[in-house]
């Protein structure tokens, strides 16, 4: 049971991390685009407002939906990695 939990957590973490990198650029506006004053030593392309709490929340919700689909696919649909035609067969030990 612990192995299944750890495997599920690892899969969720990987999905969450990939979704985070997809969500990070959403809504980003640089100081140059905003017309804001850029202080000396700062890059003009640096974001004005990052809003990481909202990005983490969106990432978690999207990752939960993707993980839910993965969980359903792996446990209830009968689909397995052996059903993918271009991958080599995995034989049980």
PDB file of N, CA and C in Angstrom:
ATOM      1  N   UNK A   1       0.822  -1.197   0.000  1.00  0.00           N
ATOM      2  CA  UNK A   1       0.000   0.000   0.000  1.00  0.00           C
ATOM      3  C   UNK A   1       0.863   1.257   0.000  1.00  0.00           C
ATOM      4  N   UNK A   2       1.950   1.242   0.768  1.00  0.00           N
ATOM      5  CA  UNK A   2       2.831   2.395   0.830  1.00  0.00           C
ATOM      6  C   UNK A   2       3.491   2.654  -0.522  1.00  0.00           C
ATOM      7  N   UNK A   3       3.844   1.580  -1.228  1.00  0.00           N
ATOM      8  CA  UNK A   3       4.465   1.732  -2.545  1.00  0.00           C
ATOM      9  C   UNK A   3       3.492   2.390  -3.509  1.00  0.00           C
ATOM     10  N   UNK A   4       2.215   1.977  -3.467  1.00  0.00           N
ATOM     11  CA  UNK A   4       1.216   2.589  -4.335  1.00  0.00           C
ATOM     12  C   UNK A   4       1.031   4.064  -4.018  1.00  0.00           C
ATOM     13  N   UNK A   5       1.025   4.413  -2.714  1.00  0.00           N
ATOM     14  CA  UNK A   5       0.891   5.811  -2.321  1.00  0.00           C
ATOM     15  C   UNK A   5       2.085   6.622  -2.806  1.00  0.00           C
ATOM     16  N   UNK A   6       3.290   6.099  -2.599  1.00  0.00           N
ATOM     17  CA  UNK A   6       4.489   6.826  -3.017  1.00  0.00           C
ATOM     18  C   UNK A   6       4.563   6.961  -4.532  1.00  0.00           C
ATOM     19  N   UNK A   7       4.159   5.937  -5.252  1.00  0.00           N
ATOM     20  CA  UNK A   7       4.130   6.010  -6.712  1.00  0.00           C
ATOM     21  C   UNK A   7       3.123   7.055  -7.165  1.00  0.00           C
ATOM     22  N   UNK A   8       1.947   7.041  -6.562  1.00  0.00           N
ATOM     23  CA  UNK A   8       0.932   8.032  -6.896  1.00  0.00           C
ATOM     24  C   UNK A   8       1.397   9.443  -6.589  1.00  0.00           C
ATOM     25  N   UNK A   9       2.043   9.624  -5.438  1.00  0.00           N
ATOM     26  CA  UNK A   9       2.568  10.938  -5.089  1.00  0.00           C
ATOM     27  C   UNK A   9       3.643  11.390  -6.065  1.00  0.00           C
ATOM     28  N   UNK A  10       4.528  10.469  -6.465  1.00  0.00           N
ATOM     29  CA  UNK A  10       5.587  10.807  -7.417  1.00  0.00           C
ATOM     30  C   UNK A  10       4.995  11.217  -8.760  1.00  0.00           C
ATOM     31  N   UNK A  11       3.984  10.492  -9.222  1.00  0.00           N
ATOM     32  CA  UNK A  11       3.338  10.838 -10.491  1.00  0.00           C
ATOM     33  C   UNK A  11       2.658  12.202 -10.379  1.00  0.00           C
ATOM     34  N   UNK A  12       1.957  12.448  -9.252  1.00  0.00           N
ATOM     35  CA  UNK A  12       1.305  13.748  -9.058  1.00  0.00           C
ATOM     36  C   UNK A  12       2.340  14.865  -9.027  1.00  0.00           C
ATOM     37  N   UNK A  13       3.467  14.651  -8.340  1.00  0.00           N
ATOM     38  CA  UNK A  13       4.503  15.683  -8.254  1.00  0.00           C
ATOM     39  C   UNK A  13       5.063  16.010  -9.633  1.00  0.00           C
ATOM     40  N   UNK A  14       5.296  15.011 -10.452  1.00  0.00           N
ATOM     41  CA  UNK A  14       5.814  15.246 -11.800  1.00  0.00           C
ATOM     42  C   UNK A  14       4.789  16.018 -12.630  1.00  0.00           C
ATOM     43  N   UNK A  15       3.521  15.613 -12.546  1.00  0.00           N
ATOM     44  CA  UNK A  15       2.471  16.330 -13.272  1.00  0.00           C
ATOM     45  C   UNK A  15       2.384  17.771 -12.773  1.00  0.00           C
ATOM     46  N   UNK A  16       2.427  17.975 -11.443  1.00  0.00           N
ATOM     47  CA  UNK A  16       2.335  19.316 -10.867  1.00  0.00           C
ATOM     48  C   UNK A  16       3.481  20.197 -11.357  1.00  0.00           C
ATOM     49  N   UNK A  17       4.671  19.646 -11.382  1.00  0.00           N
ATOM     50  CA  UNK A  17       5.848  20.411 -11.798  1.00  0.00           C
ATOM     51  C   UNK A  17       5.744  20.815 -13.273  1.00  0.00           C
ATOM     52  N   UNK A  18       5.305  19.900 -14.126  1.00  0.00           N
ATOM     53  CA  UNK A  18       5.141  20.209 -15.542  1.00  0.00           C
ATOM     54  C   UNK A  18       4.057  21.263 -15.760  1.00  0.00           C
ATOM     55  N   UNK A  19       2.959  21.144 -15.022  1.00  0.00           N
ATOM     56  CA  UNK A  19       1.884  22.136 -15.148  1.00  0.00           C
ATOM     57  C   UNK A  19       2.358  23.492 -14.638  1.00  0.00           C
ATOM     58  N   UNK A  20       3.163  23.527 -13.577  1.00  0.00           N
ATOM     59  CA  UNK A  20       3.685  24.797 -13.066  1.00  0.00           C
ATOM     60  C   UNK A  20       4.447  25.545 -14.149  1.00  0.00           C
ATOM     61  N   UNK A  21       5.321  24.847 -14.875  1.00  0.00           N
ATOM     62  CA  UNK A  21       6.091  25.523 -15.919  1.00  0.00           C
ATOM     63  C   UNK A  21       5.199  25.968 -17.075  1.00  0.00           C
ATOM     64  N   UNK A  22       4.044  25.339 -17.225  1.00  0.00           N
ATOM     65  CA  UNK A  22       3.091  25.779 -18.239  1.00  0.00           C
ATOM     66  C   UNK A  22       2.333  27.018 -17.769  1.00  0.00           C
ATOM     67  N   UNK A  23       2.032  27.092 -16.478  1.00  0.00           N
ATOM     68  CA  UNK A  23       1.220  28.179 -15.927  1.00  0.00           C
ATOM     69  C   UNK A  23       2.051  29.435 -15.636  1.00  0.00           C
ATOM     70  N   UNK A  24       3.322  29.297 -15.364  1.00  0.00           N
ATOM     71  CA  UNK A  24       4.156  30.441 -14.966  1.00  0.00           C
ATOM     72  C   UNK A  24       4.070  31.653 -15.901  1.00  0.00           C
ATOM     73  N   UNK A  25       4.099  31.494 -17.203  1.00  0.00           N
ATOM     74  CA  UNK A  25       4.070  32.700 -18.045  1.00  0.00           C
ATOM     75  C   UNK A  25       2.691  33.344 -18.204  1.00  0.00           C
ATOM     76  N   UNK A  26       1.628  32.716 -17.703  1.00  0.00           N
ATOM     77  CA  UNK A  26       0.281  33.268 -17.874  1.00  0.00           C
ATOM     78  C   UNK A  26       0.156  34.622 -17.192  1.00  0.00           C
ATOM     79  N   UNK A  27      -0.274  35.615 -17.945  1.00  0.00           N
ATOM     80  CA  UNK A  27      -0.557  36.930 -17.389  1.00  0.00           C
ATOM     81  C   UNK A  27       0.654  37.756 -17.010  1.00  0.00           C
ATOM     82  N   UNK A  28       1.825  37.343 -17.404  1.00  0.00           N
ATOM     83  CA  UNK A  28       3.026  38.091 -17.044  1.00  0.00           C
ATOM     84  C   UNK A  28       3.163  39.323 -17.943  1.00  0.00           C
ATOM     85  N   UNK A  29       3.422  40.454 -17.305  1.00  0.00           N
ATOM     86  CA  UNK A  29       3.659  41.693 -18.037  1.00  0.00           C
ATOM     87  C   UNK A  29       4.939  42.302 -17.478  1.00  0.00           C
ATOM     88  N   UNK A  30       5.805  42.694 -18.373  1.00  0.00           N
ATOM     89  CA  UNK A  30       7.080  43.273 -17.955  1.00  0.00           C
ATOM     90  C   UNK A  30       6.903  44.749 -17.620  1.00  0.00           C
ATOM     91  N   UNK A  31       7.905  45.312 -16.961  1.00  0.00           N
ATOM     92  CA  UNK A  31       7.876  46.731 -16.636  1.00  0.00           C
ATOM     93  C   UNK A  31       7.833  47.564 -17.916  1.00  0.00           C
ATOM     94  N   UNK A  32       8.502  47.098 -18.930  1.00  0.00           N
ATOM     95  CA  UNK A  32       8.504  47.804 -20.218  1.00  0.00           C
ATOM     96  C   UNK A  32       7.100  47.820 -20.823  1.00  0.00           C
ATOM     97  N   UNK A  33       6.389  46.693 -20.767  1.00  0.00           N
ATOM     98  CA  UNK A  33       5.037  46.613 -21.317  1.00  0.00           C
ATOM     99  C   UNK A  33       4.050  47.449 -20.512  1.00  0.00           C
ATOM    100  N   UNK A  34       4.253  47.536 -19.204  1.00  0.00           N
ATOM    101  CA  UNK A  34       3.373  48.306 -18.335  1.00  0.00           C
ATOM    102  C   UNK A  34       3.657  49.803 -18.424  1.00  0.00           C
ATOM    103  N   UNK A  35       4.800  50.173 -18.991  1.00  0.00           N
ATOM    104  CA  UNK A  35       5.180  51.582 -19.043  1.00  0.00           C
ATOM    105  C   UNK A  35       5.678  52.090 -17.701  1.00  0.00           C
ATOM    106  N   UNK A  36       6.074  51.181 -16.821  1.00  0.00           N
ATOM    107  CA  UNK A  36       6.550  51.549 -15.486  1.00  0.00           C
ATOM    108  C   UNK A  36       8.009  51.998 -15.553  1.00  0.00           C
ATOM    109  N   UNK A  37       8.370  52.758 -14.570  1.00  0.00           N
ATOM    110  CA  UNK A  37       9.755  53.218 -14.448  1.00  0.00           C
ATOM    111  C   UNK A  37      10.637  52.027 -14.067  1.00  0.00           C
ATOM    112  N   UNK A  38      11.703  51.829 -14.802  1.00  0.00           N
ATOM    113  CA  UNK A  38      12.634  50.734 -14.523  1.00  0.00           C
ATOM    114  C   UNK A  38      13.821  51.309 -13.769  1.00  0.00           C
ATOM    115  N   UNK A  39      14.025  50.795 -12.551  1.00  0.00           N
ATOM    116  CA  UNK A  39      15.136  51.276 -11.738  1.00  0.00           C
ATOM    117  C   UNK A  39      16.462  50.825 -12.324  1.00  0.00           C
ATOM    118  N   UNK A  40      17.487  51.601 -12.055  1.00  0.00           N
ATOM    119  CA  UNK A  40      18.812  51.272 -12.550  1.00  0.00           C
ATOM    120  C   UNK A  40      19.258  49.929 -11.963  1.00  0.00           C
ATOM    121  N   UNK A  41      19.760  49.051 -12.830  1.00  0.00           N
ATOM    122  CA  UNK A  41      20.214  47.741 -12.403  1.00  0.00           C
ATOM    123  C   UNK A  41      19.165  46.653 -12.566  1.00  0.00           C
ATOM    124  N   UNK A  42      17.943  47.034 -12.903  1.00  0.00           N
ATOM    125  CA  UNK A  42      16.881  46.050 -13.110  1.00  0.00           C
ATOM    126  C   UNK A  42      16.690  45.824 -14.604  1.00  0.00           C
ATOM    127  N   UNK A  43      16.269  44.637 -14.944  1.00  0.00           N
ATOM    128  CA  UNK A  43      16.014  44.306 -16.342  1.00  0.00           C
ATOM    129  C   UNK A  43      14.644  44.823 -16.754  1.00  0.00           C
ATOM    130  N   UNK A  44      14.545  45.357 -17.972  1.00  0.00           N
ATOM    131  CA  UNK A  44      13.260  45.865 -18.466  1.00  0.00           C
ATOM    132  C   UNK A  44      12.262  44.739 -18.669  1.00  0.00           C
ATOM    133  N   UNK A  45      12.736  43.514 -18.865  1.00  0.00           N
ATOM    134  CA  UNK A  45      11.848  42.383 -19.112  1.00  0.00           C
ATOM    135  C   UNK A  45      11.396  41.690 -17.829  1.00  0.00           C
ATOM    136  N   UNK A  46      11.841  42.160 -16.666  1.00  0.00           N
ATOM    137  CA  UNK A  46      11.433  41.545 -15.404  1.00  0.00           C
ATOM    138  C   UNK A  46       9.941  41.774 -15.175  1.00  0.00           C
ATOM    139  N   UNK A  47       9.228  40.769 -14.654  1.00  0.00           N
ATOM    140  CA  UNK A  47       7.789  40.937 -14.443  1.00  0.00           C
ATOM    141  C   UNK A  47       7.472  41.956 -13.357  1.00  0.00           C
ATOM    142  N   UNK A  48       6.335  42.631 -13.535  1.00  0.00           N
ATOM    143  CA  UNK A  48       5.914  43.630 -12.559  1.00  0.00           C
ATOM    144  C   UNK A  48       5.241  42.950 -11.372  1.00  0.00           C
ATOM    145  N   UNK A  49       4.246  42.116 -11.627  1.00  0.00           N
ATOM    146  CA  UNK A  49       3.535  41.386 -10.580  1.00  0.00           C
ATOM    147  C   UNK A  49       3.597  39.898 -10.906  1.00  0.00           C
ATOM    148  N   UNK A  50       4.105  39.119  -9.973  1.00  0.00           N
ATOM    149  CA  UNK A  50       4.281  37.692 -10.230  1.00  0.00           C
ATOM    150  C   UNK A  50       3.040  36.901  -9.814  1.00  0.00           C
ATOM    151  N   UNK A  51       2.460  37.198  -8.643  1.00  0.00           N
ATOM    152  CA  UNK A  51       1.246  36.553  -8.143  1.00  0.00           C
ATOM    153  C   UNK A  51       1.394  35.025  -8.072  1.00  0.00           C
ATOM    154  N   UNK A  52       2.399  34.567  -7.330  1.00  0.00           N
ATOM    155  CA  UNK A  52       2.700  33.141  -7.257  1.00  0.00           C
ATOM    156  C   UNK A  52       1.625  32.333  -6.529  1.00  0.00           C
ATOM    157  N   UNK A  53       0.936  32.914  -5.550  1.00  0.00           N
ATOM    158  CA  UNK A  53      -0.118  32.161  -4.850  1.00  0.00           C
ATOM    159  C   UNK A  53      -1.201  31.720  -5.835  1.00  0.00           C
ATOM    160  N   UNK A  54      -1.615  32.635  -6.695  1.00  0.00           N
ATOM    161  CA  UNK A  54      -2.637  32.298  -7.689  1.00  0.00           C
ATOM    162  C   UNK A  54      -2.110  31.255  -8.670  1.00  0.00           C
ATOM    163  N   UNK A  55      -0.864  31.373  -9.078  1.00  0.00           N
ATOM    164  CA  UNK A  55      -0.285  30.412 -10.012  1.00  0.00           C
ATOM    165  C   UNK A  55      -0.170  29.026  -9.378  1.00  0.00           C
ATOM    166  N   UNK A  56       0.193  28.960  -8.085  1.00  0.00           N
ATOM    167  CA  UNK A  56       0.255  27.670  -7.386  1.00  0.00           C
ATOM    168  C   UNK A  56      -1.137  27.049  -7.260  1.00  0.00           C
ATOM    169  N   UNK A  57      -2.147  27.868  -6.989  1.00  0.00           N
ATOM    170  CA  UNK A  57      -3.511  27.363  -6.882  1.00  0.00           C
ATOM    171  C   UNK A  57      -3.998  26.820  -8.224  1.00  0.00           C
ATOM    172  N   UNK A  58      -3.787  27.572  -9.294  1.00  0.00           N
ATOM    173  CA  UNK A  58      -4.176  27.114 -10.633  1.00  0.00           C
ATOM    174  C   UNK A  58      -3.421  25.843 -10.994  1.00  0.00           C
ATOM    175  N   UNK A  59      -2.126  25.815 -10.692  1.00  0.00           N
ATOM    176  CA  UNK A  59      -1.304  24.633 -10.978  1.00  0.00           C
ATOM    177  C   UNK A  59      -1.841  23.413 -10.248  1.00  0.00           C
ATOM    178  N   UNK A  60      -2.185  23.571  -8.982  1.00  0.00           N
ATOM    179  CA  UNK A  60      -2.687  22.449  -8.199  1.00  0.00           C
ATOM    180  C   UNK A  60      -4.020  21.947  -8.746  1.00  0.00           C
ATOM    181  N   UNK A  61      -4.915  22.853  -9.107  1.00  0.00           N
ATOM    182  CA  UNK A  61      -6.220  22.439  -9.637  1.00  0.00           C
ATOM    183  C   UNK A  61      -6.085  21.719 -10.973  1.00  0.00           C
ATOM    184  N   UNK A  62      -5.257  22.245 -11.861  1.00  0.00           N
ATOM    185  CA  UNK A  62      -5.058  21.596 -13.164  1.00  0.00           C
ATOM    186  C   UNK A  62      -4.356  20.254 -12.982  1.00  0.00           C
ATOM    187  N   UNK A  63      -3.350  20.206 -12.090  1.00  0.00           N
ATOM    188  CA  UNK A  63      -2.630  18.946 -11.853  1.00  0.00           C
ATOM    189  C   UNK A  63      -3.555  17.897 -11.241  1.00  0.00           C
ATOM    190  N   UNK A  64      -4.483  18.312 -10.371  1.00  0.00           N
ATOM    191  CA  UNK A  64      -5.440  17.360  -9.808  1.00  0.00           C
ATOM    192  C   UNK A  64      -6.348  16.787 -10.892  1.00  0.00           C
ATOM    193  N   UNK A  65      -6.768  17.628 -11.830  1.00  0.00           N
ATOM    194  CA  UNK A  65      -7.615  17.143 -12.930  1.00  0.00           C
ATOM    195  C   UNK A  65      -6.841  16.165 -13.815  1.00  0.00           C
ATOM    196  N   UNK A  66      -5.599  16.499 -14.145  1.00  0.00           N
ATOM    197  CA  UNK A  66      -4.779  15.615 -14.984  1.00  0.00           C
ATOM    198  C   UNK A  66      -4.484  14.315 -14.241  1.00  0.00           C
ATOM    199  N   UNK A  67      -4.163  14.415 -12.950  1.00  0.00           N
ATOM    200  CA  UNK A  67      -3.893  13.213 -12.163  1.00  0.00           C
ATOM    201  C   UNK A  67      -5.150  12.353 -12.030  1.00  0.00           C
ATOM    202  N   UNK A  68      -6.292  12.988 -11.865  1.00  0.00           N
ATOM    203  CA  UNK A  68      -7.546  12.239 -11.807  1.00  0.00           C
ATOM    204  C   UNK A  68      -7.785  11.447 -13.083  1.00  0.00           C
ATOM    205  N   UNK A  69      -7.507  12.051 -14.235  1.00  0.00           N
ATOM    206  CA  UNK A  69      -7.635  11.333 -15.500  1.00  0.00           C
ATOM    207  C   UNK A  69      -6.637  10.185 -15.572  1.00  0.00           C
ATOM    208  N   UNK A  70      -5.404  10.435 -15.153  1.00  0.00           N
ATOM    209  CA  UNK A  70      -4.389   9.368 -15.125  1.00  0.00           C
ATOM    210  C   UNK A  70      -4.831   8.231 -14.204  1.00  0.00           C
ATOM    211  N   UNK A  71      -5.361   8.570 -13.027  1.00  0.00           N
ATOM    212  CA  UNK A  71      -5.786   7.556 -12.063  1.00  0.00           C
ATOM    213  C   UNK A  71      -6.923   6.708 -12.632  1.00  0.00           C
ATOM    214  N   UNK A  72      -7.895   7.372 -13.251  1.00  0.00           N
ATOM    215  CA  UNK A  72      -8.999   6.646 -13.873  1.00  0.00           C
ATOM    216  C   UNK A  72      -8.483   5.748 -14.991  1.00  0.00           C
ATOM    217  N   UNK A  73      -7.587   6.289 -15.816  1.00  0.00           N
ATOM    218  CA  UNK A  73      -7.047   5.529 -16.941  1.00  0.00           C
ATOM    219  C   UNK A  73      -6.286   4.298 -16.459  1.00  0.00           C
ATOM    220  N   UNK A  74      -5.484   4.474 -15.410  1.00  0.00           N
ATOM    221  CA  UNK A  74      -4.658   3.368 -14.923  1.00  0.00           C
ATOM    222  C   UNK A  74      -5.445   2.331 -14.137  1.00  0.00           C
ATOM    223  N   UNK A  75      -6.495   2.734 -13.412  1.00  0.00           N
ATOM    224  CA  UNK A  75      -7.172   1.810 -12.496  1.00  0.00           C
ATOM    225  C   UNK A  75      -8.532   1.311 -12.967  1.00  0.00           C
ATOM    226  N   UNK A  76      -9.237   2.067 -13.780  1.00  0.00           N
ATOM    227  CA  UNK A  76     -10.611   1.690 -14.109  1.00  0.00           C
ATOM    228  C   UNK A  76     -10.870   1.438 -15.589  1.00  0.00           C
ATOM    229  N   UNK A  77     -10.058   1.977 -16.471  1.00  0.00           N
ATOM    230  CA  UNK A  77     -10.350   1.829 -17.903  1.00  0.00           C
ATOM    231  C   UNK A  77      -9.772   0.552 -18.491  1.00  0.00           C
ATOM    232  N   UNK A  78      -8.829  -0.059 -17.815  1.00  0.00           N
ATOM    233  CA  UNK A  78      -8.187  -1.255 -18.344  1.00  0.00           C
ATOM    234  C   UNK A  78      -7.030  -0.942 -19.273  1.00  0.00           C
ATOM    235  N   UNK A  79      -6.721   0.315 -19.458  1.00  0.00           N
ATOM    236  CA  UNK A  79      -5.609   0.727 -20.311  1.00  0.00           C
ATOM    237  C   UNK A  79      -4.315   0.560 -19.537  1.00  0.00           C
ATOM    238  N   UNK A  80      -3.305   0.001 -20.189  1.00  0.00           N
ATOM    239  CA  UNK A  80      -2.003  -0.142 -19.537  1.00  0.00           C
ATOM    240  C   UNK A  80      -0.912   0.304 -20.507  1.00  0.00           C
ATOM    241  N   UNK A  81       0.290   0.321 -20.017  1.00  0.00           N
ATOM    242  CA  UNK A  81       1.415   0.755 -20.847  1.00  0.00           C
ATOM    243  C   UNK A  81       1.657  -0.228 -21.986  1.00  0.00           C
ATOM    244  N   UNK A  82       1.229  -1.473 -21.828  1.00  0.00           N
ATOM    245  CA  UNK A  82       1.382  -2.465 -22.891  1.00  0.00           C
ATOM    246  C   UNK A  82       0.443  -2.193 -24.071  1.00  0.00           C
ATOM    247  N   UNK A  83      -0.553  -1.337 -23.884  1.00  0.00           N
ATOM    248  CA  UNK A  83      -1.483  -1.001 -24.968  1.00  0.00           C
ATOM    249  C   UNK A  83      -0.933   0.056 -25.922  1.00  0.00           C
ATOM    250  N   UNK A  84       0.181   0.665 -25.596  1.00  0.00           N
ATOM    251  CA  UNK A  84       0.793   1.669 -26.470  1.00  0.00           C
ATOM    252  C   UNK A  84       1.621   0.919 -27.505  1.00  0.00           C
ATOM    253  N   UNK A  85       1.284   1.036 -28.793  1.00  0.00           N
ATOM    254  CA  UNK A  85       1.878   0.152 -29.802  1.00  0.00           C
ATOM    255  C   UNK A  85       3.368   0.374 -30.067  1.00  0.00           C
ATOM    256  N   UNK A  86       3.883   1.586 -29.906  1.00  0.00           N
ATOM    257  CA  UNK A  86       5.277   1.821 -30.282  1.00  0.00           C
ATOM    258  C   UNK A  86       6.263   1.572 -29.143  1.00  0.00           C
ATOM    259  N   UNK A  87       5.775   1.219 -27.959  1.00  0.00           N
ATOM    260  CA  UNK A  87       6.667   0.915 -26.836  1.00  0.00           C
ATOM    261  C   UNK A  87       6.952  -0.589 -26.792  1.00  0.00           C
ATOM    262  N   UNK A  88       8.141  -0.969 -26.324  1.00  0.00           N
ATOM    263  CA  UNK A  88       8.423  -2.417 -26.211  1.00  0.00           C
ATOM    264  C   UNK A  88       7.561  -3.034 -25.107  1.00  0.00           C
ATOM    265  N   UNK A  89       7.297  -4.309 -25.222  1.00  0.00           N
ATOM    266  CA  UNK A  89       6.464  -5.021 -24.260  1.00  0.00           C
ATOM    267  C   UNK A  89       7.182  -5.128 -22.922  1.00  0.00           C
ATOM    268  N   UNK A  90       6.419  -5.014 -21.853  1.00  0.00           N
ATOM    269  CA  UNK A  90       6.964  -5.178 -20.505  1.00  0.00           C
ATOM    270  C   UNK A  90       6.436  -6.503 -19.977  1.00  0.00           C
ATOM    271  N   UNK A  91       7.326  -7.466 -19.783  1.00  0.00           N
ATOM    272  CA  UNK A  91       6.930  -8.776 -19.287  1.00  0.00           C
ATOM    273  C   UNK A  91       7.000  -8.797 -17.765  1.00  0.00           C
ATOM    274  N   UNK A  92       6.050  -9.462 -17.157  1.00  0.00           N
ATOM    275  CA  UNK A  92       6.054  -9.597 -15.699  1.00  0.00           C
ATOM    276  C   UNK A  92       7.189 -10.517 -15.286  1.00  0.00           C
ATOM    277  N   UNK A  93       7.759 -10.202 -14.134  1.00  0.00           N
ATOM    278  CA  UNK A  93       8.858 -11.029 -13.621  1.00  0.00           C
ATOM    279  C   UNK A  93       8.349 -12.211 -12.884  1.00  0.00           C
TER     280      UNK A  93
END
